[in-house]
Amino acid sequence: MGVALAYGGARKLLGRKLLSKRRLIPALAAAAVALCAGLVSAPAKADSVPYDPALLVVGVGDYNVLHNIQNEAVFRGEYRFGTRIFYIRPIVGVETNTGGGVYAYGGFGVNLPITDHIVLFPSGAFGYWDRGSSKNLGAHEEFRTGAEIAWRFDDASRIGVSFHHISNAGITQRNPGVEEALVEYAIPLGGMFP
């Protein structure tokens, strides 16, 4: 519903060609609020799952997947806390690629179940990037946004695919960004960790 409201509001603005700075900022703010309102109802189902433990996620995939230059394999290890703040779960992780690049990050994600077994996990993170001989992203400070869609087994383990974008969000003049696609497996840690 929130997406429909955001789309309808944007369509009215575009249809009337009222995209001045004076009107664009409030319109974007209203669209963001409508989108968030639509997403708020989805996490309620996420935590209706009896118990969603902490997860250790391992993944392998393609770094710089949308470009045919300087593609490398990427390997990721991520810890998703079982503890949550409202519906938001903290995450920490590290990934490396075959070009010697290493990215360590921390952030947050939300479980959004689509069915009893299919789960969408959008997340955002901030971290430190050391490029090695891989693609120059313009800074050591990098942001990561994206999502995973996975099949959640009855024992809470998951297998899925993820797509993330990493960039410095324009904090330096050089900001090429990079996209990565991974196949991931999540191992439930039960009550061993928060």
C-alpha atoms as a PDB file:
ATOM      1  CA  MET A   1       0.000   0.000   0.000  1.00  0.00           C
ATOM      2  CA  GLY A   2       2.849   2.393   0.864  1.00  0.00           C
ATOM      3  CA  VAL A   3       4.475   1.728  -2.502  1.00  0.00           C
ATOM      4  CA  ALA A   4       1.186   2.473  -4.281  1.00  0.00           C
ATOM      5  CA  LEU A   5       0.818   5.743  -2.382  1.00  0.00           C
ATOM      6  CA  ALA A   6       4.415   6.730  -3.167  1.00  0.00           C
ATOM      7  CA  TYR A   7       3.946   5.851  -6.843  1.00  0.00           C
ATOM      8  CA  GLY A   8       0.656   7.743  -7.056  1.00  0.00           C
ATOM      9  CA  GLY A   9       2.177  10.843  -5.463  1.00  0.00           C
ATOM     10  CA  ALA A  10       5.190  10.763  -7.781  1.00  0.00           C
ATOM     11  CA  ARG A  11       2.956  10.264 -10.824  1.00  0.00           C
ATOM     12  CA  LYS A  12       0.865  13.317  -9.923  1.00  0.00           C
ATOM     13  CA  LEU A  13       3.995  15.397  -9.521  1.00  0.00           C
ATOM     14  CA  LEU A  14       5.472  14.193 -12.791  1.00  0.00           C
ATOM     15  CA  GLY A  15       2.167  14.578 -14.630  1.00  0.00           C
ATOM     16  CA  ARG A  16       1.870  18.216 -13.595  1.00  0.00           C
ATOM     17  CA  LYS A  17       5.579  18.899 -14.041  1.00  0.00           C
ATOM     18  CA  LEU A  18       5.823  20.408 -10.595  1.00  0.00           C
ATOM     19  CA  LEU A  19       9.272  19.058  -9.810  1.00  0.00           C
ATOM     20  CA  SER A  20      10.756  22.267  -8.478  1.00  0.00           C
ATOM     21  CA  LYS A  21      13.200  22.077  -5.559  1.00  0.00           C
ATOM     22  CA  ARG A  22      10.594  23.740  -3.377  1.00  0.00           C
ATOM     23  CA  ARG A  23       8.140  20.890  -4.009  1.00  0.00           C
ATOM     24  CA  LEU A  24      10.497  17.998  -4.655  1.00  0.00           C
ATOM     25  CA  ILE A  25      11.894  17.703  -1.108  1.00  0.00           C
ATOM     26  CA  PRO A  26       8.475  17.527   0.608  1.00  0.00           C
ATOM     27  CA  ALA A  27       7.247  15.125  -2.086  1.00  0.00           C
ATOM     28  CA  LEU A  28      10.219  12.808  -1.564  1.00  0.00           C
ATOM     29  CA  ALA A  29       9.740  12.986   2.206  1.00  0.00           C
ATOM     30  CA  ALA A  30       6.044  12.109   1.825  1.00  0.00           C
ATOM     31  CA  ALA A  31       6.892   9.231  -0.517  1.00  0.00           C
ATOM     32  CA  ALA A  32       9.452   7.890   1.986  1.00  0.00           C
ATOM     33  CA  VAL A  33       6.916   8.075   4.820  1.00  0.00           C
ATOM     34  CA  ALA A  34       4.287   6.286   2.693  1.00  0.00           C
ATOM     35  CA  LEU A  35       6.794   3.592   1.722  1.00  0.00           C
ATOM     36  CA  CYS A  36       7.823   3.073   5.355  1.00  0.00           C
ATOM     37  CA  ALA A  37       4.175   2.900   6.402  1.00  0.00           C
ATOM     38  CA  GLY A  38       3.636   0.139   3.864  1.00  0.00           C
ATOM     39  CA  LEU A  39       6.672  -1.790   5.098  1.00  0.00           C
ATOM     40  CA  VAL A  40       5.776  -1.503   8.776  1.00  0.00           C
ATOM     41  CA  SER A  41       2.993  -4.058   8.403  1.00  0.00           C
ATOM     42  CA  ALA A  42       5.272  -6.614   6.701  1.00  0.00           C
ATOM     43  CA  PRO A  43       7.729  -7.072   9.606  1.00  0.00           C
ATOM     44  CA  ALA A  44       4.847  -7.995  11.904  1.00  0.00           C
ATOM     45  CA  LYS A  45       4.621 -11.248   9.968  1.00  0.00           C
ATOM     46  CA  ALA A  46       8.410 -11.605  10.092  1.00  0.00           C
ATOM     47  CA  ASP A  47       8.470 -11.930  13.823  1.00  0.00           C
ATOM     48  CA  SER A  48       5.411 -14.143  13.947  1.00  0.00           C
ATOM     49  CA  VAL A  49       7.955 -16.892  13.162  1.00  0.00           C
ATOM     50  CA  PRO A  50       8.284 -18.621  16.566  1.00  0.00           C
ATOM     51  CA  TYR A  51      12.050 -18.170  16.820  1.00  0.00           C
ATOM     52  CA  ASP A  52      14.521 -16.670  14.410  1.00  0.00           C
ATOM     53  CA  PRO A  53      17.983 -17.262  15.880  1.00  0.00           C
ATOM     54  CA  ALA A  54      21.285 -15.576  15.204  1.00  0.00           C
ATOM     55  CA  LEU A  55      22.673 -16.608  11.823  1.00  0.00           C
ATOM     56  CA  LEU A  56      26.178 -17.141  10.478  1.00  0.00           C
ATOM     57  CA  VAL A  57      25.995 -16.421   6.742  1.00  0.00           C
ATOM     58  CA  VAL A  58      28.644 -17.567   4.259  1.00  0.00           C
ATOM     59  CA  GLY A  59      28.557 -16.649   0.608  1.00  0.00           C
ATOM     60  CA  VAL A  60      30.430 -16.723  -2.675  1.00  0.00           C
ATOM     61  CA  GLY A  61      29.737 -14.775  -5.832  1.00  0.00           C
ATOM     62  CA  ASP A  62      30.742 -12.223  -8.444  1.00  0.00           C
ATOM     63  CA  TYR A  63      32.262  -8.848  -7.560  1.00  0.00           C
ATOM     64  CA  ASN A  64      31.583  -6.036 -10.088  1.00  0.00           C
ATOM     65  CA  VAL A  65      28.846  -8.198 -11.580  1.00  0.00           C
ATOM     66  CA  LEU A  66      27.222  -5.502 -13.761  1.00  0.00           C
ATOM     67  CA  HIS A  67      30.412  -4.684 -15.650  1.00  0.00           C
ATOM     68  CA  ASN A  68      32.534  -6.843 -17.921  1.00  0.00           C
ATOM     69  CA  ILE A  69      35.790  -5.390 -16.650  1.00  0.00           C
ATOM     70  CA  GLN A  70      37.704  -6.296 -13.514  1.00  0.00           C
ATOM     71  CA  ASN A  71      35.258  -9.017 -12.418  1.00  0.00           C
ATOM     72  CA  GLU A  72      36.474 -10.991  -9.417  1.00  0.00           C
ATOM     73  CA  ALA A  73      35.163 -13.693  -7.128  1.00  0.00           C
ATOM     74  CA  VAL A  74      33.940 -12.447  -3.742  1.00  0.00           C
ATOM     75  CA  PHE A  75      33.660 -14.361  -0.459  1.00  0.00           C
ATOM     76  CA  ARG A  76      31.566 -13.148   2.477  1.00  0.00           C
ATOM     77  CA  GLY A  77      31.097 -14.057   6.120  1.00  0.00           C
ATOM     78  CA  GLU A  78      28.333 -12.262   8.024  1.00  0.00           C
ATOM     79  CA  TYR A  79      26.848 -12.526  11.505  1.00  0.00           C
ATOM     80  CA  ARG A  80      23.183 -11.590  11.890  1.00  0.00           C
ATOM     81  CA  PHE A  81      22.212 -11.083  15.490  1.00  0.00           C
ATOM     82  CA  GLY A  82      19.165 -12.923  16.828  1.00  0.00           C
ATOM     83  CA  THR A  83      18.529  -9.942  19.078  1.00  0.00           C
ATOM     84  CA  ARG A  84      16.471  -7.229  17.436  1.00  0.00           C
ATOM     85  CA  ILE A  85      15.532  -3.647  18.096  1.00  0.00           C
ATOM     86  CA  PHE A  86      11.872  -3.552  17.099  1.00  0.00           C
ATOM     87  CA  TYR A  87      12.179  -5.491  13.814  1.00  0.00           C
ATOM     88  CA  ILE A  88      15.715  -4.360  12.987  1.00  0.00           C
ATOM     89  CA  ARG A  89      18.584  -6.831  13.376  1.00  0.00           C
ATOM     90  CA  PRO A  90      22.212  -5.736  13.687  1.00  0.00           C
ATOM     91  CA  ILE A  91      24.703  -7.314  11.279  1.00  0.00           C
ATOM     92  CA  VAL A  92      28.506  -7.414  11.096  1.00  0.00           C
ATOM     93  CA  GLY A  93      30.583  -8.956   8.373  1.00  0.00           C
ATOM     94  CA  VAL A  94      33.693  -9.116   6.286  1.00  0.00           C
ATOM     95  CA  GLU A  95      34.190  -9.912   2.635  1.00  0.00           C
ATOM     96  CA  THR A  96      37.206 -10.312   0.416  1.00  0.00           C
ATOM     97  CA  ASN A  97      37.670 -10.649  -3.311  1.00  0.00           C
ATOM     98  CA  THR A  98      40.279 -12.341  -5.479  1.00  0.00           C
ATOM     99  CA  GLY A  99      41.852  -8.941  -6.221  1.00  0.00           C
ATOM    100  CA  GLY A 100      42.872  -8.680  -2.562  1.00  0.00           C
ATOM    101  CA  GLY A 101      40.153  -6.203  -1.597  1.00  0.00           C
ATOM    102  CA  VAL A 102      38.761  -6.499   1.933  1.00  0.00           C
ATOM    103  CA  TYR A 103      35.599  -4.845   3.281  1.00  0.00           C
ATOM    104  CA  ALA A 104      34.628  -5.000   6.971  1.00  0.00           C
ATOM    105  CA  TYR A 105      31.214  -3.583   7.851  1.00  0.00           C
ATOM    106  CA  GLY A 106      28.446  -3.208  10.381  1.00  0.00           C
ATOM    107  CA  GLY A 107      24.831  -2.298   9.823  1.00  0.00           C
ATOM    108  CA  PHE A 108      21.204  -3.337  10.105  1.00  0.00           C
ATOM    109  CA  GLY A 109      18.689  -5.506   8.269  1.00  0.00           C
ATOM    110  CA  VAL A 110      15.045  -6.583   8.501  1.00  0.00           C
ATOM    111  CA  ASN A 111      13.436  -9.988   7.901  1.00  0.00           C
ATOM    112  CA  LEU A 112      10.443  -9.558   5.587  1.00  0.00           C
ATOM    113  CA  PRO A 113       8.777 -12.929   4.950  1.00  0.00           C
ATOM    114  CA  ILE A 114       7.020 -13.288   1.634  1.00  0.00           C
ATOM    115  CA  THR A 115       5.664 -16.755   2.461  1.00  0.00           C
ATOM    116  CA  ASP A 116       6.242 -19.188   5.321  1.00  0.00           C
ATOM    117  CA  HIS A 117       9.571 -20.157   3.733  1.00  0.00           C
ATOM    118  CA  ILE A 118      10.611 -17.280   1.449  1.00  0.00           C
ATOM    119  CA  VAL A 119      12.284 -14.387   3.262  1.00  0.00           C
ATOM    120  CA  LEU A 120      13.499 -11.043   1.917  1.00  0.00           C
ATOM    121  CA  PHE A 121      16.315  -9.486   3.976  1.00  0.00           C
ATOM    122  CA  PRO A 122      17.071  -5.870   2.934  1.00  0.00           C
ATOM    123  CA  SER A 123      20.058  -4.348   4.702  1.00  0.00           C
ATOM    124  CA  GLY A 124      22.287  -1.313   4.889  1.00  0.00           C
ATOM    125  CA  ALA A 125      25.800  -1.075   6.293  1.00  0.00           C
ATOM    126  CA  PHE A 126      28.855   1.151   6.613  1.00  0.00           C
ATOM    127  CA  GLY A 127      32.423  -0.072   6.698  1.00  0.00           C
ATOM    128  CA  TYR A 128      36.106   0.160   5.882  1.00  0.00           C
ATOM    129  CA  TRP A 129      37.391  -0.829   2.425  1.00  0.00           C
ATOM    130  CA  ASP A 130      40.988  -1.732   1.524  1.00  0.00           C
ATOM    131  CA  ARG A 131      41.133  -2.253  -2.219  1.00  0.00           C
ATOM    132  CA  GLY A 132      44.255  -4.384  -2.660  1.00  0.00           C
ATOM    133  CA  SER A 133      44.565  -4.568  -6.459  1.00  0.00           C
ATOM    134  CA  SER A 134      40.807  -4.619  -7.080  1.00  0.00           C
ATOM    135  CA  LYS A 135      38.572  -1.785  -8.306  1.00  0.00           C
ATOM    136  CA  ASN A 136      39.274   1.682  -6.883  1.00  0.00           C
ATOM    137  CA  LEU A 137      36.090   2.789  -5.108  1.00  0.00           C
ATOM    138  CA  GLY A 138      37.440   6.258  -4.289  1.00  0.00           C
ATOM    139  CA  ALA A 139      37.620   6.036  -0.479  1.00  0.00           C
ATOM    140  CA  HIS A 140      38.201   3.703   2.442  1.00  0.00           C
ATOM    141  CA  GLU A 141      34.776   4.590   3.884  1.00  0.00           C
ATOM    142  CA  GLU A 142      32.078   2.750   1.955  1.00  0.00           C
ATOM    143  CA  PHE A 143      28.327   2.184   2.286  1.00  0.00           C
ATOM    144  CA  ARG A 144      26.609  -1.072   1.335  1.00  0.00           C
ATOM    145  CA  THR A 145      22.909  -1.447   0.489  1.00  0.00           C
ATOM    146  CA  GLY A 146      21.027  -4.370  -0.955  1.00  0.00           C
ATOM    147  CA  ALA A 147      18.953  -7.412  -0.181  1.00  0.00           C
ATOM    148  CA  GLU A 148      18.909 -11.169   0.023  1.00  0.00           C
ATOM    149  CA  ILE A 149      16.029 -13.417  -0.966  1.00  0.00           C
ATOM    150  CA  ALA A 150      16.241 -16.837   0.600  1.00  0.00           C
ATOM    151  CA  TRP A 151      14.430 -20.075   1.277  1.00  0.00           C
ATOM    152  CA  ARG A 152      14.069 -20.548   5.030  1.00  0.00           C
ATOM    153  CA  PHE A 153      14.077 -24.215   6.065  1.00  0.00           C
ATOM    154  CA  ASP A 154      12.166 -25.519   9.081  1.00  0.00           C
ATOM    155  CA  ASP A 155      15.410 -25.614  11.118  1.00  0.00           C
ATOM    156  CA  ALA A 156      15.869 -21.827  10.415  1.00  0.00           C
ATOM    157  CA  SER A 157      18.793 -22.351   8.016  1.00  0.00           C
ATOM    158  CA  ARG A 158      18.539 -20.492   4.715  1.00  0.00           C
ATOM    159  CA  ILE A 159      19.857 -20.665   1.191  1.00  0.00           C
ATOM    160  CA  GLY A 160      19.474 -17.711  -1.110  1.00  0.00           C
ATOM    161  CA  VAL A 161      20.906 -15.098  -3.410  1.00  0.00           C
ATOM    162  CA  SER A 162      21.878 -11.556  -2.579  1.00  0.00           C
ATOM    163  CA  PHE A 163      22.612  -8.406  -4.540  1.00  0.00           C
ATOM    164  CA  HIS A 164      24.407  -5.427  -2.993  1.00  0.00           C
ATOM    165  CA  HIS A 165      25.775  -2.077  -4.127  1.00  0.00           C
ATOM    166  CA  ILE A 166      28.875  -0.658  -2.443  1.00  0.00           C
ATOM    167  CA  SER A 167      29.911   2.978  -2.860  1.00  0.00           C
ATOM    168  CA  ASN A 168      31.200   5.939  -0.887  1.00  0.00           C
ATOM    169  CA  ALA A 169      27.936   7.852  -1.497  1.00  0.00           C
ATOM    170  CA  GLY A 170      29.787  10.754  -3.079  1.00  0.00           C
ATOM    171  CA  ILE A 171      31.986  11.667  -0.098  1.00  0.00           C
ATOM    172  CA  THR A 172      34.877  11.890  -2.569  1.00  0.00           C
ATOM    173  CA  GLN A 173      34.975  12.981  -6.203  1.00  0.00           C
ATOM    174  CA  ARG A 174      35.731   9.434  -7.319  1.00  0.00           C
ATOM    175  CA  ASN A 175      32.701   7.228  -6.636  1.00  0.00           C
ATOM    176  CA  PRO A 176      32.333   4.460  -9.239  1.00  0.00           C
ATOM    177  CA  GLY A 177      30.603   2.002  -6.914  1.00  0.00           C
ATOM    178  CA  VAL A 178      30.443  -1.733  -7.421  1.00  0.00           C
ATOM    179  CA  GLU A 179      27.688  -4.340  -7.475  1.00  0.00           C
ATOM    180  CA  GLU A 180      27.998  -7.888  -6.241  1.00  0.00           C
ATOM    181  CA  ALA A 181      25.772 -10.951  -6.502  1.00  0.00           C
ATOM    182  CA  LEU A 182      26.282 -13.910  -4.179  1.00  0.00           C
ATOM    183  CA  VAL A 183      24.821 -17.295  -3.358  1.00  0.00           C
ATOM    184  CA  GLU A 184      24.570 -17.510   0.439  1.00  0.00           C
ATOM    185  CA  TYR A 185      23.923 -20.131   3.070  1.00  0.00           C
ATOM    186  CA  ALA A 186      22.838 -19.127   6.583  1.00  0.00           C
ATOM    187  CA  ILE A 187      23.579 -21.403   9.523  1.00  0.00           C
ATOM    188  CA  PRO A 188      21.355 -20.943  12.600  1.00  0.00           C
ATOM    189  CA  LEU A 189      23.333 -20.597  15.813  1.00  0.00           C
ATOM    190  CA  GLY A 190      20.442 -21.392  18.150  1.00  0.00           C
ATOM    191  CA  GLY A 191      20.744 -19.955  21.643  1.00  0.00           C
ATOM    192  CA  MET A 192      24.560 -19.889  21.568  1.00  0.00           C
ATOM    193  CA  PHE A 193      24.784 -16.205  20.614  1.00  0.00           C
ATOM    194  CA  PRO A 194      22.570 -13.096  20.929  1.00  0.00           C
END
